[in-house]
C-alpha atoms as a PDB file:
ATOM      1  CA  UNK A   1      76.044  51.704 194.949  1.00  0.00           C
ATOM      2  CA  UNK A   2      72.436  51.812 193.767  1.00  0.00           C
ATOM      3  CA  UNK A   3      70.424  50.778 190.754  1.00  0.00           C
ATOM      4  CA  UNK A   4      71.101  54.145 189.115  1.00  0.00           C
ATOM      5  CA  UNK A   5      74.789  54.598 189.961  1.00  0.00           C
ATOM      6  CA  UNK A   6      77.894  52.619 190.756  1.00  0.00           C
ATOM      7  CA  UNK A   7      81.598  53.041 191.467  1.00  0.00           C
ATOM      8  CA  UNK A   8      84.131  51.854 188.905  1.00  0.00           C
ATOM      9  CA  UNK A   9      87.546  50.829 190.183  1.00  0.00           C
ATOM     10  CA  UNK A  10      90.666  51.755 188.238  1.00  0.00           C
ATOM     11  CA  UNK A  11      92.638  48.526 187.764  1.00  0.00           C
ATOM     12  CA  UNK A  12      95.632  49.936 185.914  1.00  0.00           C
ATOM     13  CA  UNK A  13      97.342  52.789 184.091  1.00  0.00           C
ATOM     14  CA  UNK A  14      98.502  52.946 180.510  1.00  0.00           C
ATOM     15  CA  UNK A  15     102.042  54.129 179.838  1.00  0.00           C
ATOM     16  CA  UNK A  16     101.663  55.420 176.295  1.00  0.00           C
ATOM     17  CA  UNK A  17     103.889  56.869 173.575  1.00  0.00           C
ATOM     18  CA  UNK A  18     101.470  59.831 173.425  1.00  0.00           C
ATOM     19  CA  UNK A  19     102.055  62.396 176.213  1.00  0.00           C
ATOM     20  CA  UNK A  20      99.129  64.539 175.018  1.00  0.00           C
ATOM     21  CA  UNK A  21      96.192  64.220 172.637  1.00  0.00           C
ATOM     22  CA  UNK A  22      97.636  66.029 169.590  1.00  0.00           C
ATOM     23  CA  UNK A  23      98.645  63.228 167.262  1.00  0.00           C
ATOM     24  CA  UNK A  24      96.823  60.394 169.003  1.00  0.00           C
ATOM     25  CA  UNK A  25      95.154  58.176 166.364  1.00  0.00           C
ATOM     26  CA  UNK A  26      91.393  58.611 166.377  1.00  0.00           C
ATOM     27  CA  UNK A  27      90.826  54.861 166.536  1.00  0.00           C
ATOM     28  CA  UNK A  28      92.822  51.875 167.842  1.00  0.00           C
ATOM     29  CA  UNK A  29      94.968  49.981 165.369  1.00  0.00           C
ATOM     30  CA  UNK A  30      95.505  52.895 162.972  1.00  0.00           C
ATOM     31  CA  UNK A  31      99.135  53.063 164.098  1.00  0.00           C
ATOM     32  CA  UNK A  32     100.613  49.625 164.657  1.00  0.00           C
ATOM     33  CA  UNK A  33     103.843  51.227 165.861  1.00  0.00           C
ATOM     34  CA  UNK A  34     101.991  53.041 168.664  1.00  0.00           C
ATOM     35  CA  UNK A  35     103.027  51.018 171.677  1.00  0.00           C
ATOM     36  CA  UNK A  36     102.180  51.140 175.331  1.00  0.00           C
ATOM     37  CA  UNK A  37     102.280  49.224 178.579  1.00  0.00           C
ATOM     38  CA  UNK A  38      99.384  48.671 180.945  1.00  0.00           C
ATOM     39  CA  UNK A  39     100.606  48.623 184.533  1.00  0.00           C
ATOM     40  CA  UNK A  40      98.113  46.698 186.654  1.00  0.00           C
ATOM     41  CA  UNK A  41      97.593  48.249 190.088  1.00  0.00           C
ATOM     42  CA  UNK A  42      97.167  46.477 193.458  1.00  0.00           C
ATOM     43  CA  UNK A  43      95.187  44.486 194.426  1.00  0.00           C
ATOM     44  CA  UNK A  44      94.497  43.457 190.828  1.00  0.00           C
ATOM     45  CA  UNK A  45      98.139  42.825 189.873  1.00  0.00           C
ATOM     46  CA  UNK A  46      98.030  39.146 190.779  1.00  0.00           C
ATOM     47  CA  UNK A  47      99.445  36.898 188.040  1.00  0.00           C
ATOM     48  CA  UNK A  48      96.708  34.310 188.529  1.00  0.00           C
ATOM     49  CA  UNK A  49      94.112  36.914 187.499  1.00  0.00           C
ATOM     50  CA  UNK A  50      95.706  36.879 184.030  1.00  0.00           C
ATOM     51  CA  UNK A  51      96.222  33.132 183.704  1.00  0.00           C
ATOM     52  CA  UNK A  52      95.340  32.038 180.172  1.00  0.00           C
ATOM     53  CA  UNK A  53      95.639  35.520 178.684  1.00  0.00           C
ATOM     54  CA  UNK A  54      99.014  34.560 177.194  1.00  0.00           C
ATOM     55  CA  UNK A  55      97.073  32.522 174.627  1.00  0.00           C
ATOM     56  CA  UNK A  56      95.131  35.606 173.494  1.00  0.00           C
ATOM     57  CA  UNK A  57      96.406  37.863 170.699  1.00  0.00           C
ATOM     58  CA  UNK A  58      94.076  40.855 171.157  1.00  0.00           C
ATOM     59  CA  UNK A  59      92.280  42.388 174.114  1.00  0.00           C
ATOM     60  CA  UNK A  60      89.401  44.765 174.687  1.00  0.00           C
ATOM     61  CA  UNK A  61      90.532  47.568 176.981  1.00  0.00           C
ATOM     62  CA  UNK A  62      87.939  49.718 178.742  1.00  0.00           C
ATOM     63  CA  UNK A  63      89.292  53.045 179.948  1.00  0.00           C
ATOM     64  CA  UNK A  64      88.342  56.499 181.194  1.00  0.00           C
ATOM     65  CA  UNK A  65      88.622  59.695 179.165  1.00  0.00           C
ATOM     66  CA  UNK A  66      90.109  61.155 182.323  1.00  0.00           C
ATOM     67  CA  UNK A  67      90.886  64.608 180.931  1.00  0.00           C
ATOM     68  CA  UNK A  68      87.220  65.127 180.026  1.00  0.00           C
ATOM     69  CA  UNK A  69      85.465  63.781 183.121  1.00  0.00           C
ATOM     70  CA  UNK A  70      84.853  67.257 184.539  1.00  0.00           C
ATOM     71  CA  UNK A  71      83.381  68.506 181.260  1.00  0.00           C
ATOM     72  CA  UNK A  72      79.686  68.150 180.386  1.00  0.00           C
ATOM     73  CA  UNK A  73      78.628  65.480 177.938  1.00  0.00           C
ATOM     74  CA  UNK A  74      77.317  66.562 174.553  1.00  0.00           C
ATOM     75  CA  UNK A  75      74.154  65.052 173.004  1.00  0.00           C
ATOM     76  CA  UNK A  76      75.518  65.677 169.497  1.00  0.00           C
ATOM     77  CA  UNK A  77      79.063  66.007 168.186  1.00  0.00           C
ATOM     78  CA  UNK A  78      80.882  66.873 164.954  1.00  0.00           C
ATOM     79  CA  UNK A  79      83.006  63.885 163.876  1.00  0.00           C
ATOM     80  CA  UNK A  80      86.271  64.862 162.138  1.00  0.00           C
ATOM     81  CA  UNK A  81      85.448  62.216 159.526  1.00  0.00           C
ATOM     82  CA  UNK A  82      82.526  64.397 158.401  1.00  0.00           C
ATOM     83  CA  UNK A  83      84.678  67.497 158.075  1.00  0.00           C
ATOM     84  CA  UNK A  84      83.505  68.988 161.350  1.00  0.00           C
ATOM     85  CA  UNK A  85      80.358  70.328 159.661  1.00  0.00           C
ATOM     86  CA  UNK A  86      77.756  67.638 160.317  1.00  0.00           C
ATOM     87  CA  UNK A  87      76.430  66.555 163.693  1.00  0.00           C
ATOM     88  CA  UNK A  88      75.582  63.048 164.831  1.00  0.00           C
ATOM     89  CA  UNK A  89      74.352  61.780 168.180  1.00  0.00           C
ATOM     90  CA  UNK A  90      76.953  61.020 170.821  1.00  0.00           C
ATOM     91  CA  UNK A  91      75.761  57.401 170.945  1.00  0.00           C
ATOM     92  CA  UNK A  92      76.331  57.106 167.194  1.00  0.00           C
ATOM     93  CA  UNK A  93      79.931  58.206 167.689  1.00  0.00           C
ATOM     94  CA  UNK A  94      83.044  57.453 169.700  1.00  0.00           C
ATOM     95  CA  UNK A  95      83.305  60.966 171.101  1.00  0.00           C
ATOM     96  CA  UNK A  96      85.167  61.350 174.387  1.00  0.00           C
ATOM     97  CA  UNK A  97      82.459  63.703 175.738  1.00  0.00           C
ATOM     98  CA  UNK A  98      80.139  60.990 177.008  1.00  0.00           C
ATOM     99  CA  UNK A  99      77.818  60.705 180.032  1.00  0.00           C
ATOM    100  CA  UNK A 100      80.199  58.279 181.762  1.00  0.00           C
ATOM    101  CA  UNK A 101      83.471  59.070 179.992  1.00  0.00           C
ATOM    102  CA  UNK A 102      84.185  55.443 179.083  1.00  0.00           C
ATOM    103  CA  UNK A 103      86.250  54.405 176.069  1.00  0.00           C
ATOM    104  CA  UNK A 104      86.797  50.999 174.491  1.00  0.00           C
ATOM    105  CA  UNK A 105      89.815  49.997 172.395  1.00  0.00           C
ATOM    106  CA  UNK A 106      90.869  46.772 170.732  1.00  0.00           C
ATOM    107  CA  UNK A 107      94.636  46.391 171.199  1.00  0.00           C
ATOM    108  CA  UNK A 108      97.168  43.770 170.199  1.00  0.00           C
ATOM    109  CA  UNK A 109      98.679  42.037 173.229  1.00  0.00           C
ATOM    110  CA  UNK A 110     102.392  41.575 172.583  1.00  0.00           C
ATOM    111  CA  UNK A 111     103.748  40.487 175.975  1.00  0.00           C
ATOM    112  CA  UNK A 112     102.753  39.775 179.569  1.00  0.00           C
ATOM    113  CA  UNK A 113     105.382  40.534 182.206  1.00  0.00           C
ATOM    114  CA  UNK A 114     104.778  39.074 185.676  1.00  0.00           C
ATOM    115  CA  UNK A 115     108.274  39.467 187.114  1.00  0.00           C
ATOM    116  CA  UNK A 116     107.179  42.302 189.392  1.00  0.00           C
ATOM    117  CA  UNK A 117     103.413  42.591 189.477  1.00  0.00           C
ATOM    118  CA  UNK A 118     101.696  42.478 186.086  1.00  0.00           C
ATOM    119  CA  UNK A 119     102.405  44.566 183.005  1.00  0.00           C
ATOM    120  CA  UNK A 120     100.748  44.065 179.636  1.00  0.00           C
ATOM    121  CA  UNK A 121     102.591  45.343 176.586  1.00  0.00           C
ATOM    122  CA  UNK A 122     100.248  46.374 173.795  1.00  0.00           C
ATOM    123  CA  UNK A 123     100.312  47.955 170.340  1.00  0.00           C
ATOM    124  CA  UNK A 124      97.820  49.872 168.220  1.00  0.00           C
ATOM    125  CA  UNK A 125      97.360  52.322 171.098  1.00  0.00           C
ATOM    126  CA  UNK A 126      94.998  55.302 170.764  1.00  0.00           C
ATOM    127  CA  UNK A 127      95.171  56.653 174.329  1.00  0.00           C
ATOM    128  CA  UNK A 128      97.312  59.257 176.037  1.00  0.00           C
ATOM    129  CA  UNK A 129      99.834  58.517 178.747  1.00  0.00           C
ATOM    130  CA  UNK A 130      98.457  57.787 182.248  1.00  0.00           C
ATOM    131  CA  UNK A 131      95.006  56.826 180.956  1.00  0.00           C
ATOM    132  CA  UNK A 132      93.114  54.946 183.723  1.00  0.00           C
ATOM    133  CA  UNK A 133      92.199  51.381 182.755  1.00  0.00           C
ATOM    134  CA  UNK A 134      89.009  49.942 184.254  1.00  0.00           C
ATOM    135  CA  UNK A 135      88.654  46.542 182.566  1.00  0.00           C
ATOM    136  CA  UNK A 136      90.358  44.066 180.232  1.00  0.00           C
ATOM    137  CA  UNK A 137      88.663  41.277 178.292  1.00  0.00           C
ATOM    138  CA  UNK A 138      89.893  38.862 175.606  1.00  0.00           C
ATOM    139  CA  UNK A 139      88.891  39.472 172.004  1.00  0.00           C
ATOM    140  CA  UNK A 140      87.027  36.393 170.757  1.00  0.00           C
ATOM    141  CA  UNK A 141      86.925  36.301 166.935  1.00  0.00           C
ATOM    142  CA  UNK A 142      83.924  33.965 166.729  1.00  0.00           C
ATOM    143  CA  UNK A 143      81.823  36.246 168.937  1.00  0.00           C
ATOM    144  CA  UNK A 144      83.261  39.719 168.380  1.00  0.00           C
ATOM    145  CA  UNK A 145      83.863  39.798 164.623  1.00  0.00           C
ATOM    146  CA  UNK A 146      80.897  40.863 162.485  1.00  0.00           C
ATOM    147  CA  UNK A 147      81.848  40.374 158.808  1.00  0.00           C
ATOM    148  CA  UNK A 148      78.532  41.755 157.514  1.00  0.00           C
ATOM    149  CA  UNK A 149      78.446  44.807 159.776  1.00  0.00           C
ATOM    150  CA  UNK A 150      77.732  48.280 158.419  1.00  0.00           C
ATOM    151  CA  UNK A 151      79.004  51.527 159.923  1.00  0.00           C
ATOM    152  CA  UNK A 152      77.095  54.264 158.120  1.00  0.00           C
ATOM    153  CA  UNK A 153      79.130  57.473 157.948  1.00  0.00           C
ATOM    154  CA  UNK A 154      82.279  55.632 159.117  1.00  0.00           C
ATOM    155  CA  UNK A 155      82.036  52.724 156.696  1.00  0.00           C
ATOM    156  CA  UNK A 156      85.512  53.174 155.204  1.00  0.00           C
ATOM    157  CA  UNK A 157      88.826  53.474 157.088  1.00  0.00           C
ATOM    158  CA  UNK A 158      90.254  57.007 157.218  1.00  0.00           C
ATOM    159  CA  UNK A 159      92.516  57.892 154.328  1.00  0.00           C
ATOM    160  CA  UNK A 160      96.193  58.611 154.698  1.00  0.00           C
ATOM    161  CA  UNK A 161      96.081  62.255 153.648  1.00  0.00           C
ATOM    162  CA  UNK A 162      99.738  63.246 153.786  1.00  0.00           C
ATOM    163  CA  UNK A 163     102.954  61.795 152.437  1.00  0.00           C
ATOM    164  CA  UNK A 164     105.565  62.054 155.179  1.00  0.00           C
ATOM    165  CA  UNK A 165     109.002  63.372 154.238  1.00  0.00           C
ATOM    166  CA  UNK A 166     112.026  63.995 156.448  1.00  0.00           C
ATOM    167  CA  UNK A 167     114.623  66.752 156.334  1.00  0.00           C
ATOM    168  CA  UNK A 168     118.252  65.612 156.462  1.00  0.00           C
ATOM    169  CA  UNK A 169     118.429  66.809 160.067  1.00  0.00           C
ATOM    170  CA  UNK A 170     115.301  64.876 161.030  1.00  0.00           C
ATOM    171  CA  UNK A 171     116.497  61.786 159.174  1.00  0.00           C
ATOM    172  CA  UNK A 172     119.826  61.859 161.021  1.00  0.00           C
ATOM    173  CA  UNK A 173     118.070  62.191 164.381  1.00  0.00           C
ATOM    174  CA  UNK A 174     115.722  59.377 163.420  1.00  0.00           C
ATOM    175  CA  UNK A 175     118.576  57.008 162.629  1.00  0.00           C
ATOM    176  CA  UNK A 176     120.333  57.863 165.890  1.00  0.00           C
ATOM    177  CA  UNK A 177     117.236  57.493 168.081  1.00  0.00           C
ATOM    178  CA  UNK A 178     115.991  54.290 166.454  1.00  0.00           C
ATOM    179  CA  UNK A 179     119.420  52.642 166.557  1.00  0.00           C
ATOM    180  CA  UNK A 180     119.817  52.168 162.788  1.00  0.00           C
ATOM    181  CA  UNK A 181     122.988  54.267 162.774  1.00  0.00           C
ATOM    182  CA  UNK A 182     124.718  51.969 165.287  1.00  0.00           C
ATOM    183  CA  UNK A 183     123.248  48.609 164.309  1.00  0.00           C
ATOM    184  CA  UNK A 184     121.881  48.079 167.819  1.00  0.00           C
ATOM    185  CA  UNK A 185     118.336  48.658 169.093  1.00  0.00           C
ATOM    186  CA  UNK A 186     117.803  52.250 170.178  1.00  0.00           C
ATOM    187  CA  UNK A 187     115.320  53.564 172.713  1.00  0.00           C
ATOM    188  CA  UNK A 188     112.708  54.009 169.992  1.00  0.00           C
ATOM    189  CA  UNK A 189     113.050  51.066 167.551  1.00  0.00           C
ATOM    190  CA  UNK A 190     109.783  51.792 165.684  1.00  0.00           C
ATOM    191  CA  UNK A 191     110.091  55.567 165.712  1.00  0.00           C
ATOM    192  CA  UNK A 192     110.097  56.073 161.943  1.00  0.00           C
ATOM    193  CA  UNK A 193     106.971  53.957 161.520  1.00  0.00           C
ATOM    194  CA  UNK A 194     105.292  55.799 164.387  1.00  0.00           C
ATOM    195  CA  UNK A 195     106.051  59.240 162.952  1.00  0.00           C
ATOM    196  CA  UNK A 196     104.832  58.224 159.501  1.00  0.00           C
ATOM    197  CA  UNK A 197     101.642  56.588 160.769  1.00  0.00           C
ATOM    198  CA  UNK A 198     100.751  59.533 163.002  1.00  0.00           C
ATOM    199  CA  UNK A 199     101.485  62.339 160.543  1.00  0.00           C
ATOM    200  CA  UNK A 200     100.110  60.650 157.425  1.00  0.00           C
ATOM    201  CA  UNK A 201      96.680  60.704 159.055  1.00  0.00           C
ATOM    202  CA  UNK A 202      96.960  64.519 159.361  1.00  0.00           C
ATOM    203  CA  UNK A 203      96.424  65.263 163.068  1.00  0.00           C
ATOM    204  CA  UNK A 204      95.657  68.933 162.385  1.00  0.00           C
ATOM    205  CA  UNK A 205      92.221  70.291 163.341  1.00  0.00           C
ATOM    206  CA  UNK A 206      89.725  69.787 160.528  1.00  0.00           C
ATOM    207  CA  UNK A 207      89.366  73.519 159.900  1.00  0.00           C
ATOM    208  CA  UNK A 208      93.093  73.748 159.120  1.00  0.00           C
ATOM    209  CA  UNK A 209      92.920  71.259 156.285  1.00  0.00           C
ATOM    210  CA  UNK A 210      92.470  71.979 152.572  1.00  0.00           C
ATOM    211  CA  UNK A 211      93.643  75.564 152.911  1.00  0.00           C
ATOM    212  CA  UNK A 212      96.898  77.494 153.009  1.00  0.00           C
ATOM    213  CA  UNK A 213      98.634  76.589 156.262  1.00  0.00           C
ATOM    214  CA  UNK A 214     102.121  77.893 156.971  1.00  0.00           C
ATOM    215  CA  UNK A 215     102.181  76.868 160.626  1.00  0.00           C
ATOM    216  CA  UNK A 216     104.848  74.637 162.098  1.00  0.00           C
ATOM    217  CA  UNK A 217     103.309  71.994 164.341  1.00  0.00           C
ATOM    218  CA  UNK A 218     104.878  70.144 167.257  1.00  0.00           C
ATOM    219  CA  UNK A 219     103.762  66.597 167.989  1.00  0.00           C
ATOM    220  CA  UNK A 220     105.051  64.862 171.095  1.00  0.00           C
ATOM    221  CA  UNK A 221     105.958  61.176 170.913  1.00  0.00           C
ATOM    222  CA  UNK A 222     107.443  59.580 174.026  1.00  0.00           C
ATOM    223  CA  UNK A 223     109.786  62.270 175.419  1.00  0.00           C
ATOM    224  CA  UNK A 224     110.490  63.648 171.954  1.00  0.00           C
ATOM    225  CA  UNK A 225     109.134  66.570 169.978  1.00  0.00           C
ATOM    226  CA  UNK A 226     108.518  66.185 166.250  1.00  0.00           C
ATOM    227  CA  UNK A 227     108.271  69.530 164.439  1.00  0.00           C
ATOM    228  CA  UNK A 228     106.628  69.527 161.022  1.00  0.00           C
ATOM    229  CA  UNK A 229     104.623  71.541 158.543  1.00  0.00           C
ATOM    230  CA  UNK A 230     102.372  70.805 155.590  1.00  0.00           C
ATOM    231  CA  UNK A 231     103.369  71.382 151.969  1.00  0.00           C
ATOM    232  CA  UNK A 232     100.568  71.986 149.420  1.00  0.00           C
ATOM    233  CA  UNK A 233      98.128  70.042 151.591  1.00  0.00           C
ATOM    234  CA  UNK A 234      99.711  66.821 150.302  1.00  0.00           C
ATOM    235  CA  UNK A 235     102.848  66.218 152.379  1.00  0.00           C
ATOM    236  CA  UNK A 236     104.040  66.524 155.963  1.00  0.00           C
ATOM    237  CA  UNK A 237     107.629  67.807 156.036  1.00  0.00           C
ATOM    238  CA  UNK A 238     109.376  66.755 159.251  1.00  0.00           C
ATOM    239  CA  UNK A 239     111.762  69.557 160.163  1.00  0.00           C
ATOM    240  CA  UNK A 240     113.304  68.119 163.321  1.00  0.00           C
ATOM    241  CA  UNK A 241     113.066  65.381 165.944  1.00  0.00           C
ATOM    242  CA  UNK A 242     114.563  66.278 169.306  1.00  0.00           C
ATOM    243  CA  UNK A 243     114.082  65.811 173.058  1.00  0.00           C
ATOM    244  CA  UNK A 244     111.060  67.681 174.378  1.00  0.00           C
ATOM    245  CA  UNK A 245     112.158  70.740 176.357  1.00  0.00           C
ATOM    246  CA  UNK A 246     108.780  71.810 177.673  1.00  0.00           C
ATOM    247  CA  UNK A 247     106.968  75.066 177.152  1.00  0.00           C
END
């Protein structure tokens, strides 16, 4: 370690509902049904290191954009919010192509499990599965909230572009997987909310929007594959929801 460089230890891994980046919300909190679990790794998985965190509702999670660490950083980027046509500086954005590949997300802390090590259950996730976690801090409303803040080109929250509709086949699978057809909790109790929140934000590349698009897309959630296409650039039609078979 020197004044110009240092080593960052990975303290945990996120187990996320997003196996890959297609469909991941572009900011934390955009999908409240997006859940995950942070598994704290030794030697940091000591319950006393998290004493008092049970009184905290939200946490700042610092993580690594691990899939981009080998790629060069970019001094300017094209934010999807600006249609992919206008560039801004990397430090005026939340781009994953950064000099140190660090990300920061504000997540809701829903449960702390210390029965075997330490696991933090969180919601509002915007990270892919197996994301390395390097730090966790409590969100302090009196210090962290800035009611009079301005955000320039990202002043307003992103719009929900697409109305999400389900085919009868997809609806049947949804009821079975979420447990509504049996009256007991299924493996994916918030699946319908998750699908709607992810697809309504239109995860397609910017250049695919606002034009004729007859492609069928596949978005992975947990170990499932959601197949869908866009109708008239106004609705996402969910064709099927089934176990992911690979390929």
